[in-house]
Amino acid sequence: MSPLHHYENFLIHNSSTIATIESSLRSITWFLPGRFKDAELASEALSATLNLLSLYHDTIIARRLKQCSKFKPIIPPTLNSRYTRAWGDKDSLYKWAARLLETLRFLELLMEMGLRRKFGQKGRWRGVITLEVIKAVLRLLLLKITRRPLVTPPLPERELDPANLPSLDIESSASAPTTQPTETPVSGPSTPEHLKNNHISLDAPNPLLSEKPTGRSSPIENYLLPKALSPTSVKPPTTLLRPFGTPLDWISEVLYVLRPLIYVVALSRDDKTSRPLVISLALDFASRYLRRSPPASATLERAEYAHRDRDLLWYFFRGQIWETYTRPKFVGFADKTASTPLLGLLSAFVKDWVPLIDDYYYCKLCCIYPVQSYSD
């Protein structure tokens, strides 16, 4: 048995412990910056390693779950997970492009820190532009494969908490507590002989047992309604997003893909004025104006566009808006609360992170795209 197979078995049988360790270490990385020399580099290196390990662990767990044919999760997968998993199963190029895109996202800030220390500001900007070119090519490749709007994230999110997983051995998976019974339901008892000549339907409501109607829904209705089938529940996963139908749809999505690259190129040439920020905002609003209006039934597409609209708020952490408005607010809050109990901890946290947002382009994105876990 190879060492890799031994490691996979160890992961499967100790998934709860490993998940706890990952969560604890990831929490520590938020408080390392500013604690010692090059603490931010050590923090980001640890964070990137944990993210890559989580991606690998989720791939192993998902592969084992696929081998358990009787395994059925009680909680249905999200629309994003259904869509991205279906495309990953349908096209291997999509799966590897999405994995590479997420790997770059995990490593981009660490690479920027290393380039800045090794080659200075010019080398740092060349590296950032190179990363954005690669990411734009990968996103355009995903766009060409699906011919549909891109979704965030492009890989399935983790649907099962490893801390709650039972042993995932194939032989014992059928008895796992997170599975649903697969036996066919037993039909109800037949009508007794002495009631077969009864002319009153047994299915008619009994006035003595029926509840009086009330103006509010019952707890049973509140529990069952979210589980009712909707059109998206029965659609093939790859059709949860409609393909592009007009050239304007393509132009809108291409603008959305190329916007980060254009912004970085402009920022590398002129980071003292608001010109790069204005260009980026103009591209974002042009993409938003040209994109199609999804119908009410297009749940996944509406959720993706809502996510993009919320991301516009993070312009408060970019360019001149950050320098002239947001940063002074944060620094002022940190100075006022430095000697206040409990709030002083938050003040120290803010003071440790403000210089990183000043110095690194990808640090501005660390809050835009929170760390998530994915599966195969």
Protein backbone atom coordinates (compact mmCIF):
# COMPACT_ATOMS: atom_id res chain seq x y z
CA MET A 1 0.00 0.00 0.00
CA SER A 2 1.49 3.37 -1.07
CA PRO A 3 2.13 6.19 1.44
CA LEU A 4 -0.48 8.29 -0.35
CA HIS A 5 -3.10 5.57 0.16
CA HIS A 6 -2.11 5.33 3.84
CA TYR A 7 -2.58 9.09 4.16
CA GLU A 8 -6.01 8.93 2.53
CA ASN A 9 -7.10 6.19 4.93
CA PHE A 10 -5.78 8.22 7.86
CA LEU A 11 -7.72 11.26 6.64
CA ILE A 12 -10.95 9.29 6.25
CA HIS A 13 -10.74 7.74 9.72
CA ASN A 14 -9.68 11.00 11.44
CA SER A 15 -11.63 13.59 9.46
CA SER A 16 -13.15 15.12 12.60
CA THR A 17 -9.78 15.70 14.28
CA ILE A 18 -8.18 17.07 11.11
CA ALA A 19 -11.08 19.46 10.55
CA THR A 20 -10.72 20.78 14.10
CA ILE A 21 -6.98 21.34 13.64
CA GLU A 22 -7.53 23.11 10.32
CA SER A 23 -10.13 25.42 11.83
CA SER A 24 -7.92 26.27 14.82
CA LEU A 25 -4.85 27.02 12.70
CA ARG A 26 -6.88 29.11 10.27
CA SER A 27 -8.15 31.24 13.17
CA ILE A 28 -4.58 31.80 14.36
CA THR A 29 -3.51 33.18 10.97
CA TRP A 30 -5.77 36.22 11.45
CA PHE A 31 -3.87 37.32 14.56
CA LEU A 32 -0.27 36.65 13.47
CA PRO A 33 0.42 39.85 11.45
CA GLY A 34 2.39 42.38 13.46
CA ARG A 35 3.45 39.91 16.18
CA PHE A 36 7.06 39.43 14.99
CA LYS A 37 9.29 40.10 11.99
CA ASP A 38 7.82 38.76 8.73
CA ALA A 39 4.79 37.57 10.70
CA GLU A 40 2.49 38.46 7.81
CA LEU A 41 4.52 36.22 5.49
CA ALA A 42 4.36 33.32 7.94
CA SER A 43 0.63 33.90 8.43
CA GLU A 44 -0.11 33.89 4.71
CA ALA A 45 2.11 30.84 4.11
CA LEU A 46 0.20 28.93 6.79
CA SER A 47 -3.15 30.12 5.41
CA ALA A 48 -2.25 29.11 1.84
CA THR A 49 -1.06 25.68 3.00
CA LEU A 50 -4.27 25.08 4.94
CA ASN A 51 -6.41 26.12 1.96
CA LEU A 52 -4.57 23.77 -0.38
CA LEU A 53 -4.82 20.93 2.13
CA SER A 54 -8.54 21.57 2.54
CA LEU A 55 -8.99 21.45 -1.22
CA TYR A 56 -7.09 18.14 -1.37
CA HIS A 57 -8.93 16.68 1.64
CA ASP A 58 -12.34 17.58 0.21
CA THR A 59 -11.37 15.91 -3.05
CA ILE A 60 -10.50 12.69 -1.21
CA ILE A 61 -13.70 12.73 0.87
CA ALA A 62 -15.85 13.41 -2.20
CA ARG A 63 -14.16 10.53 -4.07
CA ARG A 64 -14.87 8.13 -1.22
CA LEU A 65 -18.48 9.28 -0.99
CA LYS A 66 -18.95 8.58 -4.69
CA GLN A 67 -17.79 5.00 -4.06
CA CYS A 68 -20.49 4.57 -1.42
CA SER A 69 -23.43 3.95 -3.73
CA LYS A 70 -25.93 3.78 -0.85
CA PHE A 71 -24.83 7.08 0.67
CA LYS A 72 -27.44 9.83 0.43
CA PRO A 73 -26.91 13.12 2.27
CA ILE A 74 -29.93 14.31 4.20
CA ILE A 75 -29.36 17.96 3.23
CA PRO A 76 -29.63 18.43 -0.57
CA PRO A 77 -26.68 20.07 -2.34
CA THR A 78 -26.80 23.75 -3.17
CA LEU A 79 -27.51 24.94 -6.71
CA ASN A 80 -23.93 26.14 -7.06
CA SER A 81 -22.58 22.74 -6.00
CA ARG A 82 -24.91 20.88 -8.37
CA TYR A 83 -23.98 23.13 -11.29
CA THR A 84 -20.20 23.16 -10.80
CA ARG A 85 -20.02 19.44 -9.99
CA ALA A 86 -22.01 18.59 -13.12
CA TRP A 87 -19.68 20.61 -15.31
CA GLY A 88 -16.64 19.09 -13.61
CA ASP A 89 -17.99 15.60 -14.31
CA LYS A 90 -18.95 16.50 -17.86
CA ASP A 91 -15.72 18.22 -18.91
CA SER A 92 -12.34 17.42 -17.35
CA LEU A 93 -10.90 20.63 -18.78
CA TYR A 94 -13.45 22.63 -16.78
CA LYS A 95 -12.53 20.77 -13.60
CA TRP A 96 -8.79 21.33 -13.93
CA ALA A 97 -9.16 24.96 -15.03
CA ALA A 98 -11.39 25.64 -12.01
CA ARG A 99 -8.95 23.89 -9.68
CA LEU A 100 -6.03 25.89 -11.03
CA LEU A 101 -8.03 29.10 -10.69
CA GLU A 102 -8.78 28.36 -7.02
CA THR A 103 -5.16 27.33 -6.37
CA LEU A 104 -3.96 30.68 -7.72
CA ARG A 105 -6.47 32.44 -5.47
CA PHE A 106 -5.04 30.65 -2.45
CA LEU A 107 -1.44 31.49 -3.37
CA GLU A 108 -1.68 34.95 -4.94
CA LEU A 109 -1.09 37.02 -1.79
CA LEU A 110 1.80 34.80 -0.69
CA MET A 111 3.39 35.13 -4.14
CA GLU A 112 2.94 38.92 -4.08
CA MET A 113 4.66 39.11 -0.68
CA GLY A 114 7.56 37.01 -1.90
CA LEU A 115 7.96 39.02 -5.11
CA ARG A 116 7.95 42.32 -3.20
CA ARG A 117 10.69 41.13 -0.86
CA LYS A 118 12.81 39.60 -3.62
CA PHE A 119 12.41 41.96 -6.59
CA GLY A 120 10.92 45.17 -5.17
CA GLN A 121 7.89 47.09 -6.39
CA LYS A 122 8.52 46.64 -10.13
CA GLY A 123 8.96 42.90 -9.80
CA ARG A 124 5.89 42.73 -7.61
CA TRP A 125 3.70 44.49 -10.20
CA ARG A 126 5.04 42.29 -13.01
CA GLY A 127 4.13 39.23 -10.97
CA VAL A 128 0.66 40.53 -10.15
CA ILE A 129 -0.03 41.33 -13.82
CA THR A 130 1.19 37.85 -14.82
CA LEU A 131 -1.15 36.25 -12.28
CA GLU A 132 -4.09 38.31 -13.52
CA VAL A 133 -3.33 37.34 -17.13
CA ILE A 134 -3.36 33.64 -16.18
CA LYS A 135 -6.58 34.04 -14.21
CA ALA A 136 -8.26 35.91 -17.08
CA VAL A 137 -7.26 33.16 -19.53
CA LEU A 138 -8.64 30.49 -17.20
CA ARG A 139 -11.93 32.38 -16.74
CA LEU A 140 -12.26 32.86 -20.50
CA LEU A 141 -11.65 29.13 -20.91
CA LEU A 142 -14.44 28.35 -18.43
CA LEU A 143 -16.63 30.81 -20.31
CA LYS A 144 -15.89 29.08 -23.63
CA ILE A 145 -16.66 25.64 -22.17
CA THR A 146 -19.95 26.51 -20.48
CA ARG A 147 -21.14 29.39 -22.71
CA ARG A 148 -22.88 30.65 -19.57
CA PRO A 149 -22.14 33.26 -16.88
CA LEU A 150 -19.31 32.37 -14.52
CA VAL A 151 -20.23 31.43 -10.97
CA THR A 152 -18.40 32.01 -7.72
CA PRO A 153 -16.86 29.72 -6.64
CA PRO A 154 -16.23 27.61 -9.78
CA LEU A 155 -15.87 24.42 -7.70
CA PRO A 156 -18.45 22.69 -5.48
CA GLU A 157 -18.53 23.90 -1.92
CA ARG A 158 -18.13 21.44 0.93
CA GLU A 159 -21.57 20.06 1.73
CA LEU A 160 -20.65 17.83 4.67
CA ASP A 161 -18.87 18.94 7.80
CA PRO A 162 -16.01 16.45 8.38
CA ALA A 163 -16.49 16.91 12.12
CA ASN A 164 -19.91 15.27 11.75
CA LEU A 165 -18.90 12.52 9.36
CA PRO A 166 -18.98 8.90 10.44
CA SER A 167 -16.40 6.41 9.26
CA LEU A 168 -16.45 6.53 5.47
CA ASP A 169 -15.47 2.96 4.84
CA ILE A 170 -17.30 1.63 1.83
CA GLU A 171 -18.46 -1.45 3.73
CA SER A 172 -19.93 0.55 6.60
CA SER A 173 -21.28 3.50 4.62
CA ALA A 174 -24.74 2.00 4.44
CA SER A 175 -25.07 2.18 8.21
CA ALA A 176 -23.81 5.75 8.52
CA PRO A 177 -26.10 8.04 10.54
CA THR A 178 -26.04 10.73 7.83
CA THR A 179 -27.62 8.47 5.25
CA GLN A 180 -31.24 7.96 4.41
CA PRO A 181 -32.77 4.49 4.18
CA THR A 182 -32.86 3.25 0.62
CA GLU A 183 -35.43 0.48 1.08
CA THR A 184 -38.72 0.96 -0.74
CA PRO A 185 -41.47 2.07 1.61
CA VAL A 186 -43.90 -0.61 2.68
CA SER A 187 -47.45 0.01 1.46
CA GLY A 188 -50.12 0.65 4.06
CA PRO A 189 -52.50 -2.03 5.32
CA SER A 190 -55.35 -3.06 3.08
CA THR A 191 -58.97 -2.10 3.84
CA PRO A 192 -60.54 -4.45 6.44
CA GLU A 193 -63.28 -6.77 5.23
CA HIS A 194 -66.01 -5.18 7.38
CA LEU A 195 -65.38 -1.74 5.80
CA LYS A 196 -65.30 -2.72 2.12
CA ASN A 197 -69.06 -2.01 1.70
CA ASN A 198 -68.80 1.39 3.35
CA HIS A 199 -70.06 4.09 0.94
CA ILE A 200 -68.34 6.93 2.81
CA SER A 201 -64.80 7.57 1.65
CA LEU A 202 -62.21 6.81 4.29
CA ASP A 203 -60.10 9.63 2.87
CA ALA A 204 -62.70 12.26 3.67
CA PRO A 205 -61.69 14.58 6.53
CA ASN A 206 -63.25 13.78 9.88
CA PRO A 207 -64.94 16.88 11.30
CA LEU A 208 -64.05 15.73 14.82
CA LEU A 209 -60.35 15.39 14.03
CA SER A 210 -59.77 18.25 11.59
CA GLU A 211 -58.12 21.38 12.93
CA LYS A 212 -59.74 24.77 12.67
CA PRO A 213 -58.08 27.00 10.09
CA THR A 214 -55.86 29.67 11.56
CA GLY A 215 -54.29 32.74 10.07
CA ARG A 216 -50.74 31.48 10.49
CA SER A 217 -48.94 28.47 9.08
CA SER A 218 -48.25 25.47 11.25
CA PRO A 219 -44.73 24.30 12.20
CA ILE A 220 -45.22 21.30 9.93
CA GLU A 221 -45.86 23.57 6.94
CA ASN A 222 -42.83 25.69 7.81
CA TYR A 223 -40.73 22.52 7.86
CA LEU A 224 -42.07 20.97 4.65
CA LEU A 225 -42.36 24.02 2.38
CA PRO A 226 -38.57 24.58 2.00
CA LYS A 227 -38.27 20.90 1.04
CA ALA A 228 -40.90 21.09 -1.70
CA LEU A 229 -39.64 20.53 -5.24
CA SER A 230 -39.10 23.61 -7.36
CA PRO A 231 -38.30 23.89 -11.09
CA THR A 232 -34.58 24.11 -10.27
CA SER A 233 -34.81 20.86 -8.31
CA VAL A 234 -35.71 18.81 -11.37
CA LYS A 235 -33.65 20.61 -14.01
CA PRO A 236 -30.45 18.95 -15.29
CA PRO A 237 -27.63 20.59 -13.29
CA THR A 238 -25.82 21.96 -16.35
CA THR A 239 -28.97 23.86 -17.39
CA LEU A 240 -29.39 25.74 -14.11
CA LEU A 241 -27.86 28.68 -15.98
CA ARG A 242 -29.15 29.64 -19.41
CA PRO A 243 -26.60 29.88 -22.25
CA PHE A 244 -25.85 33.28 -23.73
CA GLY A 245 -28.27 34.29 -26.43
CA THR A 246 -27.07 37.68 -27.70
CA PRO A 247 -23.69 39.37 -28.35
CA LEU A 248 -24.42 41.80 -25.51
CA ASP A 249 -24.47 38.87 -23.07
CA TRP A 250 -20.99 37.86 -24.21
CA ILE A 251 -19.67 41.43 -24.09
CA SER A 252 -20.99 41.89 -20.55
CA GLU A 253 -19.31 38.73 -19.28
CA VAL A 254 -16.01 39.39 -21.08
CA LEU A 255 -15.89 42.86 -19.53
CA TYR A 256 -16.47 41.27 -16.12
CA VAL A 257 -13.60 38.82 -16.73
CA LEU A 258 -11.11 41.38 -18.06
CA ARG A 259 -11.88 44.12 -15.53
CA PRO A 260 -9.37 42.96 -12.85
CA LEU A 261 -6.55 42.69 -15.42
CA ILE A 262 -7.22 46.15 -16.86
CA TYR A 263 -7.39 47.63 -13.36
CA VAL A 264 -4.06 46.08 -12.32
CA VAL A 265 -2.31 47.29 -15.49
CA ALA A 266 -3.63 50.82 -14.94
CA LEU A 267 -2.71 50.70 -11.24
CA SER A 268 0.85 49.58 -11.97
CA ARG A 269 1.35 52.63 -14.22
CA ASP A 270 -0.41 55.21 -12.07
CA ASP A 271 -1.16 54.47 -8.42
CA LYS A 272 -1.22 58.09 -7.27
CA THR A 273 -4.40 59.29 -8.97
CA SER A 274 -7.97 58.05 -9.16
CA ARG A 275 -7.71 57.17 -12.88
CA PRO A 276 -7.35 53.37 -12.36
CA LEU A 277 -10.29 53.36 -9.96
CA VAL A 278 -12.50 55.28 -12.39
CA ILE A 279 -11.63 52.85 -15.21
CA SER A 280 -12.42 49.85 -13.02
CA LEU A 281 -15.74 51.30 -11.87
CA ALA A 282 -16.69 52.18 -15.44
CA LEU A 283 -16.04 48.61 -16.59
CA ASP A 284 -18.01 47.16 -13.68
CA PHE A 285 -21.01 49.37 -14.34
CA ALA A 286 -20.82 48.76 -18.09
CA SER A 287 -20.85 45.01 -17.48
CA ARG A 288 -23.77 45.40 -15.11
CA TYR A 289 -25.71 47.56 -17.57
CA LEU A 290 -25.20 45.17 -20.51
CA ARG A 291 -25.96 41.93 -18.70
CA ARG A 292 -29.32 40.29 -19.17
CA SER A 293 -32.12 40.38 -16.60
CA PRO A 294 -32.69 36.82 -15.34
CA PRO A 295 -36.28 35.64 -14.76
CA ALA A 296 -37.55 34.88 -11.28
CA SER A 297 -37.05 31.14 -11.84
CA ALA A 298 -33.31 31.56 -12.58
CA THR A 299 -32.31 31.25 -8.93
CA LEU A 300 -28.62 30.51 -9.45
CA GLU A 301 -28.10 33.30 -11.97
CA ARG A 302 -29.88 35.83 -9.76
CA ALA A 303 -27.75 34.77 -6.78
CA GLU A 304 -24.55 35.18 -8.82
CA TYR A 305 -25.51 38.66 -10.00
CA ALA A 306 -26.48 39.65 -6.45
CA HIS A 307 -23.05 38.47 -5.30
CA ARG A 308 -21.37 40.65 -7.94
CA ASP A 309 -23.44 43.66 -6.90
CA ARG A 310 -22.40 43.22 -3.27
CA ASP A 311 -18.76 43.09 -4.33
CA LEU A 312 -19.04 46.70 -5.50
CA LEU A 313 -18.98 47.72 -1.84
CA TRP A 314 -15.36 46.60 -1.64
CA TYR A 315 -14.32 49.59 -3.72
CA PHE A 316 -14.15 51.29 -0.32
CA PHE A 317 -10.88 49.37 0.13
CA ARG A 318 -9.37 50.40 -3.20
CA GLY A 319 -7.42 53.35 -4.56
CA GLN A 320 -8.29 56.87 -3.60
CA ILE A 321 -11.48 55.84 -1.80
CA TRP A 322 -9.39 53.79 0.63
CA GLU A 323 -6.73 56.46 1.00
CA THR A 324 -9.00 59.45 1.53
CA TYR A 325 -12.09 57.98 3.18
CA THR A 326 -12.02 54.40 4.46
CA ARG A 327 -8.49 54.29 5.87
CA PRO A 328 -8.87 57.45 7.99
CA LYS A 329 -12.11 56.01 9.42
CA PHE A 330 -10.41 52.77 10.41
CA VAL A 331 -7.35 54.48 11.86
CA GLY A 332 -9.51 56.96 13.78
CA PHE A 333 -11.59 54.15 15.24
CA ALA A 334 -8.45 52.23 16.23
CA ASP A 335 -6.94 55.30 17.94
CA LYS A 336 -10.11 56.08 19.89
CA THR A 337 -10.60 52.52 21.14
CA ALA A 338 -6.95 51.65 21.82
CA SER A 339 -7.33 52.01 25.60
CA THR A 340 -10.91 50.69 25.83
CA PRO A 341 -11.34 47.21 27.35
CA LEU A 342 -12.17 44.52 24.79
CA LEU A 343 -12.39 47.07 21.99
CA GLY A 344 -8.65 47.52 22.42
CA LEU A 345 -8.16 44.02 20.99
CA LEU A 346 -10.13 45.01 17.90
CA SER A 347 -8.11 48.22 17.69
CA ALA A 348 -4.83 46.28 17.68
CA PHE A 349 -6.23 43.93 15.04
CA VAL A 350 -7.16 46.86 12.78
CA LYS A 351 -3.75 48.51 13.22
CA ASP A 352 -2.01 45.27 12.24
CA TRP A 353 -4.04 44.85 9.05
CA VAL A 354 -4.17 48.44 7.76
CA PRO A 355 -0.48 48.43 6.64
CA LEU A 356 -1.03 45.18 4.76
CA ILE A 357 -3.96 46.69 2.86
CA ASP A 358 -1.72 49.67 2.06
CA ASP A 359 1.16 47.57 0.74
CA TYR A 360 -0.40 44.59 -1.04
CA TYR A 361 -2.91 44.51 -3.87
CA TYR A 362 -4.28 41.04 -3.04
CA CYS A 363 -4.70 41.86 0.63
CA LYS A 364 -7.57 44.13 -0.43
CA LEU A 365 -9.29 41.00 -1.78
CA CYS A 366 -8.88 38.82 1.32
CA CYS A 367 -12.27 39.91 2.66
CA ILE A 368 -14.00 39.93 -0.72
CA TYR A 369 -13.51 36.21 -1.26
CA PRO A 370 -13.64 34.42 2.08
CA VAL A 371 -11.99 31.04 2.44
CA GLN A 372 -14.27 28.19 1.45
CA SER A 373 -13.87 24.49 1.14
CA TYR A 374 -14.52 22.51 -1.96
CA SER A 375 -15.05 18.97 -3.06
CA ASP A 376 -14.43 17.00 -6.21
